[in-house]
Amino acid sequence: MLATISDIANLASLTPAQALGIPVALVGSVFLALGAQFQHRGVNKVDAATAPEDKAGLNLGQLVSLARRPSWLIGTLMLGLAIVFQLVSLYLAPLTVVQPLGAVALVITSIVNARVSKTKLDGPSIRAIIFCVGGVGLFVTIAALTTSSPAIHDTQLRVVATILAVVLVVLALVFAFFRKRFTTIFYIVGAGILFGFVATLAKVVIDRVHTLFESGFHLVTGDWLTIVCVVGLILAALLGSYFVQTAYSSGPPDLVVAGLTVVDPLVGVSIGIIVLGEAATAPLWAAFAFVVAGAIAIYGVFQMAKHHPQIRR
């Protein structure tokens, strides 16, 4: 038993500076929760006023109307602050540690939305939230004990950029041809996947800019990859944001946040582990624990989509 405890203690690889990324990420989660609630209110008002005949995603006129809604603009400002705090946390700590902490936003959003909508969450919905938060909580605990931030090489970056390019093309084509058949869960999962790449690329860009500062702004071979990352980040953020706004028009904000705070970190952390090697020194048991924790969190999202009292069938 003592040996096991000692082994676990030795795995705690976070420095004090890296550990600071955890509270920073939690503050960002608060802004994420409040921003989601305000944006959802704005989208609902625009959706009710325009009353489109189909549900093939928000059209251009609706997007323009959103920019005129004070509640949506306030929500966007809060989400902007959430992004700033997330970027700072990514600079301080490994992606696998801070990215899953967005699950805290799910609890806050669920409480706020229940009060605002005067809708009481039933037993199945509460259990689904527990699965989401519990699964992600287990995930981040294991990540904090077993991961680190190794240097990212150009080959790894090319792999991430290539995967993102394929994902963008596939999602764009599927949306173009099948969007009238989509349900809320598609937009949520799609947005989660895209924002998982956004977090990964943001981490890469932050690290490369930091290296550029340290080198006295001496450009090195392969810096074109940083530009590719920035372009990919912007494209993924734009399409992901559109998916989020469309999801708000057909589902409650806590369901949207549930999907984002589970799918987003699972994608980001999976890239961090598989491609970037953040868990290269992790023990074998951690791999099985990651799979179990991820399965629990994903199960919670689908249960929430199935049982939430506000979901539009």
Protein backbone atom coordinates (compact mmCIF):
# COMPACT_ATOMS: atom_id res chain seq x y z
CA MET A 1 0.00 0.00 0.00
CA LEU A 2 2.80 2.43 0.96
CA ALA A 3 4.60 1.69 -2.28
CA THR A 4 1.44 2.39 -4.27
CA ILE A 5 0.90 5.72 -2.53
CA SER A 6 4.53 6.62 -3.14
CA ASP A 7 4.23 5.76 -6.83
CA ILE A 8 1.13 7.92 -7.21
CA ALA A 9 2.81 10.81 -5.40
CA ASN A 10 5.76 10.62 -7.76
CA LEU A 11 3.38 10.98 -10.71
CA ALA A 12 2.24 14.43 -9.59
CA SER A 13 4.30 16.28 -12.18
CA LEU A 14 2.69 19.73 -12.05
CA THR A 15 4.90 22.62 -10.98
CA PRO A 16 3.39 25.47 -8.89
CA ALA A 17 3.16 27.63 -12.01
CA GLN A 18 1.37 24.86 -13.90
CA ALA A 19 -0.99 24.26 -10.98
CA LEU A 20 -2.02 27.92 -11.21
CA GLY A 21 -3.60 27.06 -14.55
CA ILE A 22 -6.31 25.09 -12.73
CA PRO A 23 -7.98 28.03 -10.88
CA VAL A 24 -7.58 30.18 -14.00
CA ALA A 25 -9.44 27.53 -16.00
CA LEU A 26 -12.18 27.39 -13.35
CA VAL A 27 -12.76 31.15 -13.60
CA GLY A 28 -13.05 30.70 -17.36
CA SER A 29 -15.69 28.02 -16.74
CA VAL A 30 -17.83 30.52 -14.82
CA PHE A 31 -17.73 32.95 -17.76
CA LEU A 32 -18.51 30.06 -20.13
CA ALA A 33 -21.61 29.14 -18.14
CA LEU A 34 -22.97 32.69 -17.93
CA GLY A 35 -22.10 33.43 -21.55
CA ALA A 36 -23.95 30.32 -22.70
CA GLN A 37 -27.07 31.36 -20.81
CA PHE A 38 -27.09 34.88 -22.29
CA GLN A 39 -26.39 33.65 -25.82
CA HIS A 40 -29.13 31.04 -25.54
CA ARG A 41 -31.60 33.77 -24.55
CA GLY A 42 -30.62 35.87 -27.56
CA VAL A 43 -30.85 32.97 -30.01
CA ASN A 44 -34.26 31.95 -28.66
CA LYS A 45 -35.63 35.47 -29.11
CA VAL A 46 -34.34 35.70 -32.67
CA ASP A 47 -35.60 32.19 -33.46
CA ALA A 48 -39.06 33.01 -32.11
CA ALA A 49 -39.25 36.28 -34.05
CA THR A 50 -38.17 34.88 -37.39
CA ALA A 51 -39.90 31.48 -37.09
CA PRO A 52 -38.10 29.70 -39.99
CA GLU A 53 -40.01 27.01 -41.81
CA ASP A 54 -37.18 24.51 -41.51
CA LYS A 55 -34.48 23.73 -38.98
CA ALA A 56 -31.58 23.61 -41.41
CA GLY A 57 -29.40 25.79 -39.21
CA LEU A 58 -29.49 29.53 -38.61
CA ASN A 59 -29.69 31.56 -41.81
CA LEU A 60 -27.80 34.77 -42.62
CA GLY A 61 -30.71 37.00 -41.60
CA GLN A 62 -30.88 35.34 -38.18
CA LEU A 63 -27.13 35.72 -37.68
CA VAL A 64 -27.42 39.46 -38.44
CA SER A 65 -30.33 39.73 -35.99
CA LEU A 66 -28.25 38.05 -33.29
CA ALA A 67 -25.65 40.82 -33.56
CA ARG A 68 -28.38 43.29 -32.57
CA ARG A 69 -29.56 41.44 -29.47
CA PRO A 70 -28.09 42.89 -26.23
CA SER A 71 -28.36 39.55 -24.42
CA TRP A 72 -26.47 37.76 -27.19
CA LEU A 73 -23.78 40.44 -27.26
CA ILE A 74 -23.34 40.23 -23.47
CA GLY A 75 -23.07 36.46 -23.75
CA THR A 76 -20.50 36.81 -26.52
CA LEU A 77 -18.44 39.18 -24.36
CA MET A 78 -18.51 36.66 -21.50
CA LEU A 79 -17.51 33.85 -23.82
CA GLY A 80 -14.66 36.05 -25.03
CA LEU A 81 -13.48 36.40 -21.44
CA ALA A 82 -13.82 32.63 -21.02
CA ILE A 83 -11.54 32.15 -24.02
CA VAL A 84 -8.97 34.55 -22.58
CA PHE A 85 -8.89 32.66 -19.28
CA GLN A 86 -8.68 29.36 -21.16
CA LEU A 87 -5.72 30.58 -23.21
CA VAL A 88 -3.92 31.71 -20.07
CA SER A 89 -4.58 28.35 -18.43
CA LEU A 90 -3.27 26.56 -21.54
CA TYR A 91 -0.12 28.65 -21.36
CA LEU A 92 0.40 27.70 -17.72
CA ALA A 93 -0.54 24.01 -17.65
CA PRO A 94 -0.75 20.91 -19.88
CA LEU A 95 -3.76 20.67 -22.19
CA THR A 96 -4.84 17.40 -20.59
CA VAL A 97 -5.15 19.06 -17.17
CA VAL A 98 -6.96 22.34 -17.80
CA GLN A 99 -9.13 21.53 -20.81
CA PRO A 100 -11.53 19.13 -19.01
CA LEU A 101 -12.16 21.63 -16.19
CA GLY A 102 -14.80 23.30 -18.35
CA ALA A 103 -17.18 20.67 -16.99
CA VAL A 104 -17.65 22.95 -13.98
CA ALA A 105 -19.57 25.22 -16.36
CA LEU A 106 -22.16 22.45 -16.79
CA VAL A 107 -23.12 22.52 -13.12
CA ILE A 108 -23.35 26.32 -13.08
CA THR A 109 -25.35 26.45 -16.33
CA SER A 110 -27.78 23.76 -15.13
CA ILE A 111 -28.52 25.67 -11.92
CA VAL A 112 -28.87 29.04 -13.66
CA ASN A 113 -31.00 27.65 -16.49
CA ALA A 114 -33.33 25.85 -14.06
CA ARG A 115 -33.96 29.12 -12.22
CA VAL A 116 -34.34 31.25 -15.35
CA SER A 117 -36.65 28.83 -17.18
CA LYS A 118 -38.47 27.79 -13.99
CA THR A 119 -37.95 24.20 -15.08
CA LYS A 120 -37.06 21.70 -12.40
CA LEU A 121 -34.47 19.15 -13.42
CA ASP A 122 -35.80 15.65 -12.86
CA GLY A 123 -33.92 12.65 -11.48
CA PRO A 124 -32.62 11.29 -14.82
CA SER A 125 -31.30 14.72 -15.82
CA ILE A 126 -29.51 15.18 -12.50
CA ARG A 127 -27.98 11.71 -12.79
CA ALA A 128 -26.84 12.54 -16.33
CA ILE A 129 -25.12 15.70 -15.05
CA ILE A 130 -23.41 13.66 -12.33
CA PHE A 131 -22.15 11.21 -14.98
CA CYS A 132 -20.81 14.11 -17.08
CA VAL A 133 -19.05 15.91 -14.25
CA GLY A 134 -17.92 12.70 -12.54
CA GLY A 135 -16.44 11.27 -15.73
CA VAL A 136 -14.61 14.47 -16.62
CA GLY A 137 -13.53 14.95 -12.99
CA LEU A 138 -11.99 11.47 -12.95
CA PHE A 139 -10.38 12.19 -16.30
CA VAL A 140 -8.72 15.43 -15.16
CA THR A 141 -7.55 13.88 -11.87
CA ILE A 142 -5.74 11.11 -13.73
CA ALA A 143 -4.37 13.62 -16.23
CA ALA A 144 -3.01 15.84 -13.45
CA LEU A 145 -1.12 12.87 -12.02
CA THR A 146 0.23 11.38 -15.23
CA THR A 147 0.72 14.04 -17.93
CA SER A 148 3.29 16.69 -18.80
CA SER A 149 3.96 19.29 -21.53
CA PRO A 150 6.69 17.95 -23.86
CA ALA A 151 8.08 19.96 -26.76
CA ILE A 152 5.89 19.76 -29.85
CA HIS A 153 7.67 18.79 -33.07
CA ASP A 154 6.75 19.78 -36.63
CA THR A 155 5.74 16.23 -37.53
CA GLN A 156 3.19 16.14 -34.72
CA LEU A 157 1.87 19.52 -35.78
CA ARG A 158 1.45 18.36 -39.37
CA VAL A 159 -0.57 15.38 -38.14
CA VAL A 160 -2.90 17.62 -36.09
CA ALA A 161 -3.34 20.06 -39.00
CA THR A 162 -4.07 17.22 -41.43
CA ILE A 163 -6.66 15.64 -39.15
CA LEU A 164 -8.35 19.01 -38.64
CA ALA A 165 -8.46 19.62 -42.41
CA VAL A 166 -10.20 16.27 -42.91
CA VAL A 167 -12.66 16.98 -40.07
CA LEU A 168 -13.50 20.43 -41.46
CA VAL A 169 -14.14 19.07 -44.96
CA VAL A 170 -16.26 16.16 -43.71
CA LEU A 171 -18.39 18.31 -41.37
CA ALA A 172 -18.86 20.98 -44.04
CA LEU A 173 -19.98 18.43 -46.64
CA VAL A 174 -22.27 16.59 -44.24
CA PHE A 175 -23.83 19.89 -43.16
CA ALA A 176 -24.30 21.05 -46.76
CA PHE A 177 -26.15 17.90 -47.84
CA PHE A 178 -27.88 16.58 -44.71
CA ARG A 179 -28.48 19.58 -42.43
CA LYS A 180 -32.28 19.31 -42.60
CA ARG A 181 -32.05 15.92 -40.87
CA PHE A 182 -29.80 17.07 -38.04
CA THR A 183 -30.87 17.08 -34.41
CA THR A 184 -29.46 19.12 -31.54
CA ILE A 185 -27.00 16.41 -30.56
CA PHE A 186 -25.26 16.57 -33.98
CA TYR A 187 -24.54 20.27 -33.63
CA ILE A 188 -23.33 19.76 -30.06
CA VAL A 189 -20.99 16.89 -30.94
CA GLY A 190 -19.77 18.68 -34.07
CA ALA A 191 -19.03 21.85 -32.10
CA GLY A 192 -17.30 19.84 -29.38
CA ILE A 193 -15.01 18.14 -31.90
CA LEU A 194 -14.10 21.45 -33.54
CA PHE A 195 -13.44 23.26 -30.27
CA GLY A 196 -11.29 20.34 -29.15
CA PHE A 197 -9.03 21.13 -32.11
CA VAL A 198 -9.24 24.85 -31.33
CA ALA A 199 -7.90 24.21 -27.81
CA THR A 200 -5.12 22.00 -29.15
CA LEU A 201 -4.03 24.48 -31.81
CA ALA A 202 -4.28 27.36 -29.34
CA LYS A 203 -1.89 25.49 -27.04
CA VAL A 204 0.51 24.94 -29.94
CA VAL A 205 0.40 28.57 -31.08
CA ILE A 206 0.92 29.83 -27.51
CA ASP A 207 3.95 27.59 -27.05
CA ARG A 208 5.43 28.63 -30.41
CA VAL A 209 4.92 32.35 -29.75
CA HIS A 210 6.57 31.88 -26.36
CA THR A 211 9.52 30.19 -28.07
CA LEU A 212 9.67 33.03 -30.59
CA PHE A 213 9.93 35.56 -27.76
CA GLU A 214 12.73 33.59 -26.12
CA SER A 215 14.67 33.39 -29.40
CA GLY A 216 14.52 37.16 -29.92
CA PHE A 217 12.06 36.83 -32.82
CA HIS A 218 14.42 34.76 -34.92
CA LEU A 219 12.23 32.82 -37.34
CA VAL A 220 12.98 29.15 -37.73
CA THR A 221 12.24 26.56 -40.38
CA GLY A 222 8.67 25.31 -40.11
CA ASP A 223 7.15 28.58 -38.88
CA TRP A 224 4.72 28.32 -41.76
CA LEU A 225 3.11 25.57 -39.71
CA THR A 226 2.24 28.15 -37.06
CA ILE A 227 0.41 30.18 -39.70
CA VAL A 228 -1.43 27.05 -40.82
CA CYS A 229 -2.40 26.41 -37.20
CA VAL A 230 -3.77 29.94 -36.81
CA VAL A 231 -5.83 29.59 -40.01
CA GLY A 232 -7.13 26.18 -38.94
CA LEU A 233 -7.93 27.52 -35.47
CA ILE A 234 -9.98 30.38 -36.94
CA LEU A 235 -11.89 28.14 -39.35
CA ALA A 236 -12.66 25.57 -36.65
CA ALA A 237 -13.75 28.31 -34.23
CA LEU A 238 -16.08 29.90 -36.79
CA LEU A 239 -17.78 26.65 -37.82
CA GLY A 240 -17.93 25.47 -34.21
CA SER A 241 -19.49 28.76 -33.10
CA TYR A 242 -22.14 28.46 -35.82
CA PHE A 243 -22.96 24.93 -34.66
CA VAL A 244 -23.27 26.18 -31.07
CA GLN A 245 -25.68 28.97 -32.01
CA THR A 246 -27.82 26.52 -34.01
CA ALA A 247 -27.83 24.09 -31.08
CA TYR A 248 -29.11 26.89 -28.82
CA SER A 249 -32.11 27.32 -31.13
CA SER A 250 -33.27 23.74 -30.53
CA GLY A 251 -31.98 22.78 -27.09
CA PRO A 252 -31.43 24.13 -23.55
CA PRO A 253 -28.10 25.81 -22.74
CA ASP A 254 -27.07 23.24 -20.16
CA LEU A 255 -27.39 20.45 -22.73
CA VAL A 256 -25.23 22.43 -25.15
CA VAL A 257 -22.65 23.14 -22.45
CA ALA A 258 -22.77 19.47 -21.40
CA GLY A 259 -21.82 18.37 -24.90
CA LEU A 260 -19.11 20.99 -25.27
CA THR A 261 -17.51 20.42 -21.88
CA VAL A 262 -17.36 16.67 -22.47
CA VAL A 263 -16.70 16.23 -26.21
CA ASP A 264 -14.37 19.24 -26.42
CA PRO A 265 -11.92 18.07 -23.73
CA LEU A 266 -12.12 14.43 -24.78
CA VAL A 267 -11.05 15.39 -28.31
CA GLY A 268 -8.42 17.86 -27.10
CA VAL A 269 -7.00 15.49 -24.51
CA SER A 270 -7.01 12.55 -26.94
CA ILE A 271 -4.93 14.62 -29.36
CA GLY A 272 -2.67 15.67 -26.51
CA ILE A 273 -2.14 12.05 -25.48
CA ILE A 274 -2.02 10.26 -28.84
CA VAL A 275 -0.36 12.87 -31.07
CA LEU A 276 1.46 15.32 -28.80
CA GLY A 277 2.70 12.71 -26.34
CA GLU A 278 1.56 14.45 -23.14
CA ALA A 279 1.00 11.05 -21.50
CA ALA A 280 4.14 9.38 -22.85
CA THR A 281 5.37 8.58 -19.34
CA ALA A 282 1.96 7.58 -17.95
CA PRO A 283 1.59 4.06 -16.52
CA LEU A 284 -0.53 1.45 -18.28
CA TRP A 285 -3.37 1.69 -15.77
CA ALA A 286 -3.87 5.35 -16.75
CA ALA A 287 -4.81 4.37 -20.32
CA PHE A 288 -7.62 2.12 -19.11
CA ALA A 289 -8.75 4.76 -16.61
CA PHE A 290 -8.89 7.41 -19.37
CA VAL A 291 -11.15 5.16 -21.47
CA VAL A 292 -13.49 4.40 -18.57
CA ALA A 293 -13.71 8.04 -17.48
CA GLY A 294 -14.38 9.19 -21.05
CA ALA A 295 -17.10 6.57 -21.53
CA ILE A 296 -18.83 7.69 -18.32
CA ALA A 297 -18.80 11.34 -19.41
CA ILE A 298 -20.09 10.60 -22.93
CA TYR A 299 -22.84 8.38 -21.51
CA GLY A 300 -23.91 11.33 -19.37
CA VAL A 301 -24.23 13.61 -22.40
CA PHE A 302 -26.48 11.22 -24.30
CA GLN A 303 -28.59 10.56 -21.20
CA MET A 304 -29.00 14.29 -20.74
CA ALA A 305 -30.07 14.69 -24.37
CA LYS A 306 -32.58 11.89 -23.86
CA HIS A 307 -34.12 12.99 -20.56
CA HIS A 308 -33.74 16.78 -20.32
CA PRO A 309 -37.24 18.28 -19.73
CA GLN A 310 -36.58 21.20 -22.13
CA ILE A 311 -35.26 19.24 -25.10
CA ARG A 312 -37.35 19.66 -28.24
CA ARG A 313 -38.19 16.28 -29.71
